Amino acid sequence: MLLKLVACAAAAEAIAHATLVPVKLGDNQDIPVYVGGEADAPSIIVIQEWWGVDRGTMQKALRLAQHGYRVLVPDIYKGKKGINAEEASHLMGELDFPKAIEEIGIAAQYLKKTGSS
């Protein structure tokens, strides 16, 4: 019983300190993503809203990691953020959707190759 309690406490400590780490994917290392959670955990790809990868996106991803999931947040705007609706609309309008879908596919492959289900 004591061993189970110690194991549960250790797991809770790890979950409470979930972080998202920036990683570059792709042949040219030109696909910025943030990854968090245990490598062998079930994975979720968190897609940004039209504003870009902002604080809210990161907080949602961290909450998922804290609940035992491995998360990956692809930054399909490559670091750009919409400060207002006009700018966000411009970023979304300029987005190369086929390329973004391809990059999300590469992110999914990365998760599988590194142990996620």
N, C-alpha and C. Protein backbone atom coordinates (compact mmCIF):
# COMPACT_ATOMS: atom_id res chain seq x y z
N MET A 1 0.82 -1.19 0.00
CA MET A 1 0.00 0.00 0.00
C MET A 1 0.87 1.25 0.00
N LEU A 2 1.90 1.27 0.84
CA LEU A 2 2.78 2.43 0.91
C LEU A 2 3.49 2.65 -0.43
N LEU A 3 3.88 1.56 -1.08
CA LEU A 3 4.54 1.66 -2.38
C LEU A 3 3.61 2.29 -3.41
N LYS A 4 2.33 1.92 -3.38
CA LYS A 4 1.35 2.51 -4.30
C LYS A 4 1.21 4.00 -4.04
N LEU A 5 1.17 4.40 -2.78
CA LEU A 5 1.05 5.82 -2.45
C LEU A 5 2.26 6.61 -2.93
N VAL A 6 3.45 6.05 -2.77
CA VAL A 6 4.66 6.72 -3.23
C VAL A 6 4.64 6.86 -4.75
N ALA A 7 4.22 5.81 -5.45
CA ALA A 7 4.14 5.85 -6.91
C ALA A 7 3.13 6.89 -7.37
N CYS A 8 1.99 6.96 -6.71
CA CYS A 8 0.96 7.95 -7.05
C CYS A 8 1.47 9.37 -6.81
N ALA A 9 2.17 9.57 -5.71
CA ALA A 9 2.72 10.89 -5.40
C ALA A 9 3.74 11.30 -6.45
N ALA A 10 4.59 10.37 -6.88
CA ALA A 10 5.59 10.67 -7.91
C ALA A 10 4.92 11.02 -9.22
N ALA A 11 3.87 10.29 -9.58
CA ALA A 11 3.15 10.56 -10.83
C ALA A 11 2.48 11.93 -10.77
N ALA A 12 1.87 12.25 -9.63
CA ALA A 12 1.22 13.55 -9.47
C ALA A 12 2.23 14.68 -9.57
N GLU A 13 3.41 14.48 -9.00
CA GLU A 13 4.47 15.49 -9.07
C GLU A 13 4.89 15.73 -10.52
N ALA A 14 5.05 14.66 -11.29
CA ALA A 14 5.45 14.78 -12.70
C ALA A 14 4.37 15.51 -13.51
N ILE A 15 3.12 15.17 -13.25
CA ILE A 15 2.01 15.81 -13.97
C ILE A 15 1.93 17.29 -13.63
N ALA A 16 2.12 17.65 -12.40
CA ALA A 16 2.03 19.04 -11.97
C ALA A 16 3.09 19.91 -12.62
N HIS A 17 4.20 19.31 -13.02
CA HIS A 17 5.30 20.07 -13.61
C HIS A 17 5.40 19.87 -15.12
N ALA A 18 4.28 19.62 -15.79
CA ALA A 18 4.29 19.45 -17.24
C ALA A 18 4.79 20.72 -17.91
N THR A 19 5.61 20.55 -18.92
CA THR A 19 6.11 21.68 -19.69
C THR A 19 6.01 21.36 -21.17
N LEU A 20 6.06 22.40 -21.98
CA LEU A 20 6.08 22.24 -23.43
C LEU A 20 7.45 22.67 -23.92
N VAL A 21 8.08 21.81 -24.68
CA VAL A 21 9.44 22.04 -25.16
C VAL A 21 9.40 22.33 -26.66
N PRO A 22 10.07 23.40 -27.11
CA PRO A 22 10.11 23.66 -28.55
C PRO A 22 11.00 22.64 -29.27
N VAL A 23 10.51 22.16 -30.41
CA VAL A 23 11.23 21.18 -31.23
C VAL A 23 11.06 21.62 -32.68
N LYS A 24 12.07 21.37 -33.50
CA LYS A 24 11.97 21.66 -34.93
C LYS A 24 11.89 20.34 -35.68
N LEU A 25 10.91 20.20 -36.56
CA LEU A 25 10.71 18.98 -37.34
C LEU A 25 10.93 19.25 -38.82
N GLY A 26 10.94 18.19 -39.59
CA GLY A 26 11.06 18.29 -41.04
C GLY A 26 12.50 18.13 -41.49
N ASP A 27 12.66 17.84 -42.77
CA ASP A 27 13.99 17.64 -43.34
C ASP A 27 14.88 18.86 -43.16
N ASN A 28 14.28 20.04 -43.22
CA ASN A 28 15.04 21.29 -43.08
C ASN A 28 14.90 21.91 -41.69
N GLN A 29 14.33 21.14 -40.76
CA GLN A 29 14.10 21.65 -39.40
C GLN A 29 13.33 22.98 -39.43
N ASP A 30 12.33 23.06 -40.32
CA ASP A 30 11.58 24.30 -40.52
C ASP A 30 10.13 24.23 -40.06
N ILE A 31 9.81 23.21 -39.27
CA ILE A 31 8.45 23.07 -38.73
C ILE A 31 8.53 23.21 -37.22
N PRO A 32 8.25 24.41 -36.70
CA PRO A 32 8.31 24.59 -35.25
C PRO A 32 7.09 23.99 -34.55
N VAL A 33 7.35 23.21 -33.52
CA VAL A 33 6.28 22.62 -32.71
C VAL A 33 6.68 22.71 -31.24
N TYR A 34 5.71 22.52 -30.37
CA TYR A 34 5.94 22.42 -28.93
C TYR A 34 5.42 21.05 -28.50
N VAL A 35 6.21 20.34 -27.71
CA VAL A 35 5.86 18.98 -27.30
C VAL A 35 5.89 18.89 -25.78
N GLY A 36 4.92 18.18 -25.22
CA GLY A 36 4.89 17.97 -23.77
C GLY A 36 4.27 16.63 -23.43
N GLY A 37 4.55 16.13 -22.25
CA GLY A 37 3.99 14.87 -21.78
C GLY A 37 4.96 13.72 -21.99
N GLU A 38 4.61 12.58 -21.43
CA GLU A 38 5.44 11.38 -21.52
C GLU A 38 5.40 10.81 -22.94
N ALA A 39 6.56 10.36 -23.43
CA ALA A 39 6.68 9.88 -24.81
C ALA A 39 5.76 8.71 -25.12
N ASP A 40 5.47 7.86 -24.13
CA ASP A 40 4.66 6.67 -24.40
C ASP A 40 3.16 6.88 -24.11
N ALA A 41 2.78 8.11 -23.79
CA ALA A 41 1.38 8.40 -23.49
C ALA A 41 0.56 8.54 -24.78
N PRO A 42 -0.75 8.36 -24.69
CA PRO A 42 -1.60 8.65 -25.85
C PRO A 42 -1.40 10.12 -26.25
N SER A 43 -1.41 10.38 -27.54
CA SER A 43 -1.06 11.74 -27.99
C SER A 43 -2.25 12.49 -28.56
N ILE A 44 -2.14 13.81 -28.45
CA ILE A 44 -3.13 14.74 -29.00
C ILE A 44 -2.37 15.86 -29.69
N ILE A 45 -2.76 16.19 -30.92
CA ILE A 45 -2.21 17.35 -31.60
C ILE A 45 -3.18 18.50 -31.37
N VAL A 46 -2.69 19.57 -30.77
CA VAL A 46 -3.50 20.74 -30.45
C VAL A 46 -3.27 21.77 -31.55
N ILE A 47 -4.32 22.09 -32.30
CA ILE A 47 -4.22 23.04 -33.40
C ILE A 47 -4.57 24.44 -32.90
N GLN A 48 -3.75 25.38 -33.30
CA GLN A 48 -3.93 26.78 -32.89
C GLN A 48 -5.22 27.35 -33.44
N GLU A 49 -5.70 28.41 -32.80
CA GLU A 49 -6.82 29.17 -33.32
C GLU A 49 -6.27 30.15 -34.35
N TRP A 50 -7.11 30.97 -34.95
CA TRP A 50 -6.65 31.85 -36.01
C TRP A 50 -5.69 32.93 -35.54
N TRP A 51 -5.58 33.11 -34.23
CA TRP A 51 -4.64 34.09 -33.67
C TRP A 51 -3.19 33.61 -33.77
N GLY A 52 -2.99 32.30 -33.89
CA GLY A 52 -1.66 31.71 -33.85
C GLY A 52 -1.48 30.95 -32.54
N VAL A 53 -0.27 30.48 -32.29
CA VAL A 53 0.01 29.78 -31.04
C VAL A 53 0.18 30.85 -29.97
N ASP A 54 -0.86 31.03 -29.19
CA ASP A 54 -0.84 32.05 -28.15
C ASP A 54 -0.88 31.41 -26.76
N ARG A 55 -0.98 32.25 -25.77
CA ARG A 55 -0.99 31.75 -24.39
C ARG A 55 -2.12 30.76 -24.13
N GLY A 56 -3.30 31.05 -24.68
CA GLY A 56 -4.44 30.16 -24.50
C GLY A 56 -4.22 28.78 -25.10
N THR A 57 -3.62 28.75 -26.28
CA THR A 57 -3.31 27.47 -26.93
C THR A 57 -2.34 26.67 -26.06
N MET A 58 -1.31 27.35 -25.57
CA MET A 58 -0.31 26.67 -24.75
C MET A 58 -0.92 26.17 -23.43
N GLN A 59 -1.80 26.96 -22.83
CA GLN A 59 -2.43 26.55 -21.58
C GLN A 59 -3.31 25.31 -21.78
N LYS A 60 -4.04 25.28 -22.90
CA LYS A 60 -4.87 24.10 -23.19
C LYS A 60 -4.00 22.87 -23.36
N ALA A 61 -2.89 23.02 -24.08
CA ALA A 61 -1.99 21.89 -24.29
C ALA A 61 -1.38 21.42 -22.97
N LEU A 62 -0.99 22.36 -22.12
CA LEU A 62 -0.41 21.99 -20.82
C LEU A 62 -1.42 21.24 -19.95
N ARG A 63 -2.68 21.67 -19.98
CA ARG A 63 -3.71 20.98 -19.20
C ARG A 63 -3.85 19.53 -19.67
N LEU A 64 -3.81 19.33 -20.97
CA LEU A 64 -3.89 17.96 -21.49
C LEU A 64 -2.68 17.14 -21.04
N ALA A 65 -1.49 17.74 -21.10
CA ALA A 65 -0.27 17.04 -20.65
C ALA A 65 -0.37 16.71 -19.17
N GLN A 66 -0.95 17.60 -18.39
CA GLN A 66 -1.10 17.37 -16.95
C GLN A 66 -2.07 16.23 -16.66
N HIS A 67 -2.92 15.91 -17.63
CA HIS A 67 -3.87 14.81 -17.46
C HIS A 67 -3.37 13.51 -18.09
N GLY A 68 -2.08 13.47 -18.40
CA GLY A 68 -1.48 12.22 -18.84
C GLY A 68 -1.35 12.01 -20.34
N TYR A 69 -1.62 13.04 -21.12
CA TYR A 69 -1.48 12.92 -22.56
C TYR A 69 -0.15 13.51 -23.02
N ARG A 70 0.32 13.03 -24.14
CA ARG A 70 1.45 13.67 -24.80
C ARG A 70 0.83 14.63 -25.80
N VAL A 71 1.26 15.86 -25.78
CA VAL A 71 0.68 16.87 -26.66
C VAL A 71 1.74 17.42 -27.60
N LEU A 72 1.28 17.83 -28.76
CA LEU A 72 2.13 18.49 -29.73
C LEU A 72 1.34 19.65 -30.31
N VAL A 73 1.93 20.83 -30.30
CA VAL A 73 1.31 22.03 -30.85
C VAL A 73 2.15 22.50 -32.03
N PRO A 74 1.67 22.27 -33.27
CA PRO A 74 2.42 22.78 -34.42
C PRO A 74 2.16 24.28 -34.59
N ASP A 75 3.21 25.02 -34.84
CA ASP A 75 3.08 26.47 -35.05
C ASP A 75 3.01 26.73 -36.55
N ILE A 76 1.82 26.64 -37.11
CA ILE A 76 1.68 26.73 -38.56
C ILE A 76 1.87 28.16 -39.09
N TYR A 77 1.88 29.16 -38.21
CA TYR A 77 2.19 30.54 -38.62
C TYR A 77 3.67 30.85 -38.44
N LYS A 78 4.44 29.90 -37.98
CA LYS A 78 5.90 30.05 -37.82
C LYS A 78 6.26 31.23 -36.92
N GLY A 79 5.59 31.31 -35.78
CA GLY A 79 5.92 32.34 -34.79
C GLY A 79 5.11 33.62 -34.89
N LYS A 80 4.39 33.81 -35.96
CA LYS A 80 3.58 35.03 -36.10
C LYS A 80 2.30 34.86 -35.31
N LYS A 81 1.81 35.99 -34.78
CA LYS A 81 0.56 35.99 -34.02
C LYS A 81 -0.31 37.15 -34.48
N GLY A 82 -1.60 36.93 -34.51
CA GLY A 82 -2.54 37.99 -34.82
C GLY A 82 -2.83 38.81 -33.57
N ILE A 83 -2.47 40.07 -33.61
CA ILE A 83 -2.68 40.96 -32.47
C ILE A 83 -4.14 41.41 -32.40
N ASN A 84 -4.77 41.53 -33.56
CA ASN A 84 -6.18 41.93 -33.62
C ASN A 84 -6.86 41.10 -34.71
N ALA A 85 -8.16 41.25 -34.84
CA ALA A 85 -8.92 40.44 -35.79
C ALA A 85 -8.45 40.65 -37.23
N GLU A 86 -8.10 41.86 -37.58
CA GLU A 86 -7.64 42.14 -38.95
C GLU A 86 -6.34 41.39 -39.25
N GLU A 87 -5.41 41.44 -38.33
CA GLU A 87 -4.13 40.75 -38.53
C GLU A 87 -4.32 39.23 -38.53
N ALA A 88 -5.15 38.74 -37.62
CA ALA A 88 -5.42 37.30 -37.58
C ALA A 88 -6.08 36.84 -38.88
N SER A 89 -6.98 37.63 -39.40
CA SER A 89 -7.64 37.31 -40.66
C SER A 89 -6.63 37.28 -41.80
N HIS A 90 -5.71 38.22 -41.79
CA HIS A 90 -4.66 38.26 -42.81
C HIS A 90 -3.78 37.01 -42.73
N LEU A 91 -3.37 36.63 -41.53
CA LEU A 91 -2.54 35.43 -41.36
C LEU A 91 -3.26 34.19 -41.87
N MET A 92 -4.54 34.07 -41.53
CA MET A 92 -5.31 32.91 -41.96
C MET A 92 -5.48 32.93 -43.48
N GLY A 93 -5.72 34.12 -44.06
CA GLY A 93 -5.89 34.23 -45.50
C GLY A 93 -4.63 33.88 -46.28
N GLU A 94 -3.48 34.14 -45.68
CA GLU A 94 -2.19 33.87 -46.32
C GLU A 94 -1.68 32.45 -46.08
N LEU A 95 -2.37 31.69 -45.23
CA LEU A 95 -1.92 30.36 -44.88
C LEU A 95 -1.99 29.41 -46.08
N ASP A 96 -0.91 28.68 -46.30
CA ASP A 96 -0.86 27.65 -47.33
C ASP A 96 -1.44 26.38 -46.69
N PHE A 97 -2.75 26.17 -46.88
CA PHE A 97 -3.44 25.07 -46.19
C PHE A 97 -2.87 23.70 -46.54
N PRO A 98 -2.60 23.39 -47.82
CA PRO A 98 -2.01 22.07 -48.10
C PRO A 98 -0.67 21.86 -47.37
N LYS A 99 0.15 22.90 -47.30
CA LYS A 99 1.43 22.79 -46.59
C LYS A 99 1.19 22.60 -45.09
N ALA A 100 0.24 23.34 -44.53
CA ALA A 100 -0.07 23.21 -43.09
C ALA A 100 -0.54 21.79 -42.78
N ILE A 101 -1.38 21.23 -43.65
CA ILE A 101 -1.86 19.85 -43.44
C ILE A 101 -0.70 18.87 -43.52
N GLU A 102 0.20 19.10 -44.47
CA GLU A 102 1.39 18.24 -44.59
C GLU A 102 2.24 18.31 -43.33
N GLU A 103 2.43 19.51 -42.79
CA GLU A 103 3.23 19.68 -41.57
C GLU A 103 2.57 19.01 -40.37
N ILE A 104 1.26 19.07 -40.28
CA ILE A 104 0.56 18.39 -39.18
C ILE A 104 0.73 16.88 -39.32
N GLY A 105 0.74 16.38 -40.56
CA GLY A 105 1.01 14.96 -40.80
C GLY A 105 2.41 14.56 -40.36
N ILE A 106 3.40 15.42 -40.64
CA ILE A 106 4.77 15.17 -40.19
C ILE A 106 4.83 15.15 -38.67
N ALA A 107 4.06 16.03 -38.04
CA ALA A 107 4.00 16.07 -36.57
C ALA A 107 3.42 14.76 -36.03
N ALA A 108 2.38 14.25 -36.66
CA ALA A 108 1.78 12.98 -36.23
C ALA A 108 2.77 11.84 -36.39
N GLN A 109 3.52 11.83 -37.48
CA GLN A 109 4.55 10.80 -37.69
C GLN A 109 5.61 10.88 -36.60
N TYR A 110 6.00 12.10 -36.23
CA TYR A 110 6.99 12.30 -35.17
C TYR A 110 6.50 11.68 -33.86
N LEU A 111 5.25 11.92 -33.52
CA LEU A 111 4.68 11.38 -32.29
C LEU A 111 4.75 9.85 -32.30
N LYS A 112 4.36 9.25 -33.42
CA LYS A 112 4.39 7.78 -33.52
C LYS A 112 5.82 7.24 -33.43
N LYS A 113 6.73 7.88 -34.14
CA LYS A 113 8.13 7.41 -34.16
C LYS A 113 8.80 7.52 -32.80
N THR A 114 8.33 8.44 -31.98
CA THR A 114 8.97 8.66 -30.69
C THR A 114 8.20 8.05 -29.53
N GLY A 115 7.26 7.13 -29.84
CA GLY A 115 6.65 6.33 -28.79
C GLY A 115 5.21 6.56 -28.43
N SER A 116 4.58 7.56 -29.00
CA SER A 116 3.16 7.83 -28.66
C SER A 116 2.21 6.94 -29.42
N SER A 117 1.04 6.82 -28.84
CA SER A 117 -0.01 6.07 -29.53
C SER A 117 -1.13 7.01 -29.93
